[in-house]
């Protein structure tokens, strides 16, 4: 059975990476989610996709240049579906406390080696604090992040995010002893899927928003799909 992950919550239905988006995902009965992380200036894990604030908040500057309290005071509903009320940038800690997901894909964006280590250590501490380490896979396209996971928190499940095939994603995933391969869905050929699964990788494809594509990939046998529209995915895969 193909599992469903809400992409940044339910990005097609509510402002991405905000509490209301993750709550909307849960309302559809989808208890798996994918989200993005950056460290604030004071070392808090903030749930936001871009390293800068402009796209979702309209503000200038970088996430890393502000403390968590300042970031949580910003309204992050600009680049998404219309929403009547402000939607703050959340801390990952707040989502862990508020949302009962059975599994989380936590994507860490590219980072310097030092920042990658700091981010991995923060994830390790927070997942221990909330007792969710066994319900988390930390994913990244960054070799620095994957290496930091191996050295700083080898007990956390790892996943490679692959958008291009110029380096064989399966080879890279195995090099970092990953358990999950998050493939851009157009890279998911039957041969690549079969090879990855034969080597023990959970194959999660992104971002799948068309009903026909959802059904095709499910029939192909992908382990999970990541979608902006978890409600649509539920209906498509049930049908």
Protein backbone atom coordinates (compact mmCIF):
# COMPACT_ATOMS: atom_id res chain seq x y z
CA UNK A 1 0.00 0.00 0.00
CA UNK A 2 1.32 3.42 -0.96
CA UNK A 3 1.51 5.80 2.00
CA UNK A 4 0.65 9.51 1.79
CA UNK A 5 2.74 12.39 3.14
CA UNK A 6 1.40 15.92 3.28
CA UNK A 7 3.90 18.28 1.64
CA UNK A 8 4.68 21.15 4.02
CA UNK A 9 1.41 20.12 5.66
CA UNK A 10 -1.28 20.57 3.04
CA UNK A 11 0.43 23.23 0.94
CA UNK A 12 -2.28 23.36 -1.72
CA UNK A 13 -5.00 24.03 0.85
CA UNK A 14 -3.39 26.18 3.56
CA UNK A 15 -0.26 28.32 3.96
CA UNK A 16 2.75 26.03 3.75
CA UNK A 17 4.73 24.94 6.78
CA UNK A 18 2.31 26.56 9.25
CA UNK A 19 0.30 24.97 12.02
CA UNK A 20 -2.97 25.32 10.11
CA UNK A 21 -1.45 23.49 7.15
CA UNK A 22 -0.41 20.52 9.27
CA UNK A 23 -3.78 20.50 11.01
CA UNK A 24 -5.50 20.42 7.61
CA UNK A 25 -3.36 17.42 6.67
CA UNK A 26 -4.48 15.60 9.81
CA UNK A 27 -8.12 16.48 9.10
CA UNK A 28 -7.85 14.40 5.94
CA UNK A 29 -6.72 11.43 8.01
CA UNK A 30 -3.16 11.73 6.67
CA UNK A 31 -0.83 11.17 9.60
CA UNK A 32 2.47 11.51 7.78
CA UNK A 33 4.04 14.81 6.80
CA UNK A 34 7.06 16.39 5.18
CA UNK A 35 8.44 19.75 6.26
CA UNK A 36 11.51 21.98 5.95
CA UNK A 37 13.88 23.21 8.64
CA UNK A 38 16.26 26.11 9.18
CA UNK A 39 18.01 27.18 12.37
CA UNK A 40 17.19 30.56 13.86
CA UNK A 41 19.93 32.83 15.15
CA UNK A 42 19.40 31.46 18.67
CA UNK A 43 19.52 27.83 17.56
CA UNK A 44 15.81 26.98 17.36
CA UNK A 45 14.51 24.69 14.61
CA UNK A 46 12.12 26.77 12.52
CA UNK A 47 9.70 25.27 10.02
CA UNK A 48 10.19 27.24 6.81
CA UNK A 49 11.31 26.23 3.33
CA UNK A 50 13.43 29.16 2.15
CA UNK A 51 16.54 30.49 3.87
CA UNK A 52 15.09 33.98 3.35
CA UNK A 53 11.82 35.47 4.55
CA UNK A 54 10.56 37.35 1.51
CA UNK A 55 8.45 34.73 -0.31
CA UNK A 56 6.20 33.70 2.57
CA UNK A 57 6.32 36.76 4.84
CA UNK A 58 7.22 39.69 2.59
CA UNK A 59 10.03 40.65 4.99
CA UNK A 60 13.67 41.11 4.14
CA UNK A 61 16.50 39.11 5.62
CA UNK A 62 17.43 35.54 6.42
CA UNK A 63 15.95 33.09 8.90
CA UNK A 64 19.41 32.68 10.42
CA UNK A 65 19.59 36.41 11.19
CA UNK A 66 16.60 36.46 13.57
CA UNK A 67 15.79 34.82 16.89
CA UNK A 68 12.94 32.37 17.16
CA UNK A 69 10.63 34.81 18.94
CA UNK A 70 11.07 37.34 16.15
CA UNK A 71 10.36 34.72 13.49
CA UNK A 72 7.27 33.46 15.30
CA UNK A 73 5.87 36.99 15.21
CA UNK A 74 5.88 37.03 11.39
CA UNK A 75 2.87 36.14 9.24
CA UNK A 76 3.84 33.40 6.74
CA UNK A 77 0.72 33.18 4.56
CA UNK A 78 1.81 35.26 1.55
CA UNK A 79 2.70 32.66 -1.08
CA UNK A 80 -0.19 30.25 -0.79
CA UNK A 81 -3.95 29.79 -0.76
CA UNK A 82 -5.97 32.65 0.67
CA UNK A 83 -6.25 32.50 4.45
CA UNK A 84 -8.23 34.81 6.73
CA UNK A 85 -6.05 34.77 9.82
CA UNK A 86 -2.30 35.27 10.39
CA UNK A 87 -0.15 32.14 10.21
CA UNK A 88 3.10 32.43 12.19
CA UNK A 89 6.28 30.58 11.32
CA UNK A 90 6.25 27.68 13.81
CA UNK A 91 9.04 26.06 15.72
CA UNK A 92 9.39 22.33 15.18
CA UNK A 93 8.95 21.94 18.95
CA UNK A 94 5.48 23.47 18.70
CA UNK A 95 4.46 21.09 15.91
CA UNK A 96 5.72 18.10 17.85
CA UNK A 97 3.55 19.23 20.76
CA UNK A 98 0.44 20.01 18.70
CA UNK A 99 0.34 17.42 15.90
CA UNK A 100 0.14 13.66 16.34
CA UNK A 101 1.79 12.49 13.15
CA UNK A 102 2.89 8.89 13.00
CA UNK A 103 5.89 9.79 10.84
CA UNK A 104 7.75 12.98 9.93
CA UNK A 105 10.10 13.63 7.03
CA UNK A 106 12.26 16.51 8.24
CA UNK A 107 14.12 18.07 5.32
CA UNK A 108 17.21 20.06 6.15
CA UNK A 109 18.36 22.41 3.40
CA UNK A 110 21.94 22.88 2.25
CA UNK A 111 24.25 24.09 4.97
CA UNK A 112 27.90 24.61 5.75
CA UNK A 113 29.50 21.69 7.62
CA UNK A 114 29.37 23.62 10.91
CA UNK A 115 25.74 24.63 10.46
CA UNK A 116 24.83 21.10 9.37
CA UNK A 117 26.30 19.74 12.61
CA UNK A 118 24.43 22.34 14.69
CA UNK A 119 21.14 21.52 12.95
CA UNK A 120 21.55 17.78 13.35
CA UNK A 121 22.40 18.17 17.03
CA UNK A 122 19.30 20.32 17.53
CA UNK A 123 17.10 17.71 15.81
CA UNK A 124 18.63 14.94 17.88
CA UNK A 125 17.98 16.81 21.14
CA UNK A 126 14.42 17.78 20.21
CA UNK A 127 13.36 14.34 19.00
CA UNK A 128 14.69 12.83 22.22
CA UNK A 129 12.84 15.44 24.27
CA UNK A 130 9.53 14.69 22.54
CA UNK A 131 10.20 10.94 22.31
CA UNK A 132 9.69 10.85 18.52
CA UNK A 133 13.12 9.75 17.30
CA UNK A 134 11.67 6.50 15.99
CA UNK A 135 9.02 8.43 14.02
CA UNK A 136 11.40 10.71 12.17
CA UNK A 137 13.49 10.49 9.02
CA UNK A 138 15.85 13.40 8.45
CA UNK A 139 16.23 14.08 4.73
CA UNK A 140 18.49 16.31 2.70
CA UNK A 141 20.11 16.81 -0.67
CA UNK A 142 23.15 18.21 1.15
CA UNK A 143 26.13 15.92 1.56
CA UNK A 144 27.21 18.01 4.57
CA UNK A 145 23.90 17.31 6.30
CA UNK A 146 23.96 13.60 5.51
CA UNK A 147 27.54 13.33 6.77
CA UNK A 148 26.60 15.18 9.96
CA UNK A 149 23.75 12.74 10.50
CA UNK A 150 26.15 9.82 10.18
CA UNK A 151 28.65 11.24 12.64
CA UNK A 152 26.44 13.14 15.12
CA UNK A 153 23.19 11.13 15.22
CA UNK A 154 23.61 7.76 13.50
CA UNK A 155 20.53 6.41 15.29
CA UNK A 156 18.27 8.80 13.36
CA UNK A 157 16.93 7.49 10.05
CA UNK A 158 18.37 9.30 7.04
CA UNK A 159 17.01 10.06 3.58
CA UNK A 160 18.49 11.49 0.40
CA UNK A 161 16.41 14.06 -1.48
CA UNK A 162 17.15 13.64 -5.21
CA UNK A 163 15.98 16.13 -7.81
CA UNK A 164 18.45 15.22 -10.56
CA UNK A 165 19.96 11.96 -11.80
CA UNK A 166 23.36 13.25 -12.93
CA UNK A 167 24.76 11.39 -9.92
CA UNK A 168 23.03 8.06 -9.41
CA UNK A 169 20.75 8.79 -6.44
CA UNK A 170 20.71 5.18 -5.29
CA UNK A 171 24.51 5.07 -5.11
CA UNK A 172 24.60 8.33 -3.16
CA UNK A 173 21.87 7.13 -0.77
CA UNK A 174 23.77 3.93 -0.08
CA UNK A 175 27.02 5.84 0.46
CA UNK A 176 25.38 7.66 3.38
CA UNK A 177 23.61 4.51 4.60
CA UNK A 178 20.18 6.05 3.99
CA UNK A 179 16.95 4.24 4.71
CA UNK A 180 14.81 6.48 2.47
CA UNK A 181 15.14 7.90 -1.02
CA UNK A 182 12.97 10.94 -1.72
CA UNK A 183 12.84 11.09 -5.51
CA UNK A 184 11.40 13.81 -7.68
CA UNK A 185 8.55 11.83 -9.18
CA UNK A 186 9.73 12.17 -12.78
CA UNK A 187 12.93 10.32 -11.81
CA UNK A 188 10.92 7.35 -10.59
CA UNK A 189 11.23 4.80 -13.37
CA UNK A 190 10.20 1.16 -12.80
CA UNK A 191 13.83 0.07 -13.03
CA UNK A 192 15.10 2.65 -10.54
CA UNK A 193 12.25 1.90 -8.16
CA UNK A 194 12.85 -1.85 -8.28
CA UNK A 195 16.59 -1.44 -7.73
CA UNK A 196 16.13 0.94 -4.80
CA UNK A 197 13.58 -1.26 -3.08
CA UNK A 198 15.69 -4.35 -3.65
CA UNK A 199 18.48 -2.58 -1.76
CA UNK A 200 16.14 -1.84 1.14
CA UNK A 201 15.33 1.80 0.44
CA UNK A 202 11.88 3.24 1.12
CA UNK A 203 11.09 5.23 -2.04
CA UNK A 204 9.09 8.41 -1.44
CA UNK A 205 8.21 10.47 -4.54
CA UNK A 206 7.52 14.23 -4.68
CA UNK A 207 5.63 16.44 -5.36
CA UNK A 208 2.66 14.51 -6.76
CA UNK A 209 -0.43 16.67 -7.26
CA UNK A 210 -2.32 15.11 -10.20
CA UNK A 211 -4.78 12.32 -9.45
CA UNK A 212 -3.78 10.26 -12.50
CA UNK A 213 -0.10 10.50 -11.56
CA UNK A 214 -0.87 9.43 -8.02
CA UNK A 215 -2.60 6.31 -9.30
CA UNK A 216 0.15 5.52 -11.80
CA UNK A 217 2.90 5.78 -9.19
CA UNK A 218 0.90 3.76 -6.67
CA UNK A 219 0.36 1.05 -9.28
CA UNK A 220 4.10 1.11 -10.00
CA UNK A 221 4.65 0.29 -6.33
CA UNK A 222 6.19 3.41 -4.75
CA UNK A 223 6.32 3.18 -0.97
CA UNK A 224 4.93 6.68 -0.42
CA UNK A 225 4.07 9.88 -2.23
CA UNK A 226 4.37 13.47 -1.04
CA UNK A 227 1.59 15.81 -2.11
CA UNK A 228 0.31 19.35 -1.67
CA UNK A 229 -3.21 17.88 -1.68
CA UNK A 230 -3.43 15.05 0.87
CA UNK A 231 -7.23 15.01 0.68
CA UNK A 232 -7.10 14.41 -3.07
CA UNK A 233 -4.49 11.70 -2.58
CA UNK A 234 -6.71 9.90 -0.08
CA UNK A 235 -9.59 9.90 -2.54
CA UNK A 236 -7.40 8.89 -5.49
CA UNK A 237 -5.74 5.96 -3.76
CA UNK A 238 -8.95 4.70 -2.21
CA UNK A 239 -10.53 4.70 -5.67
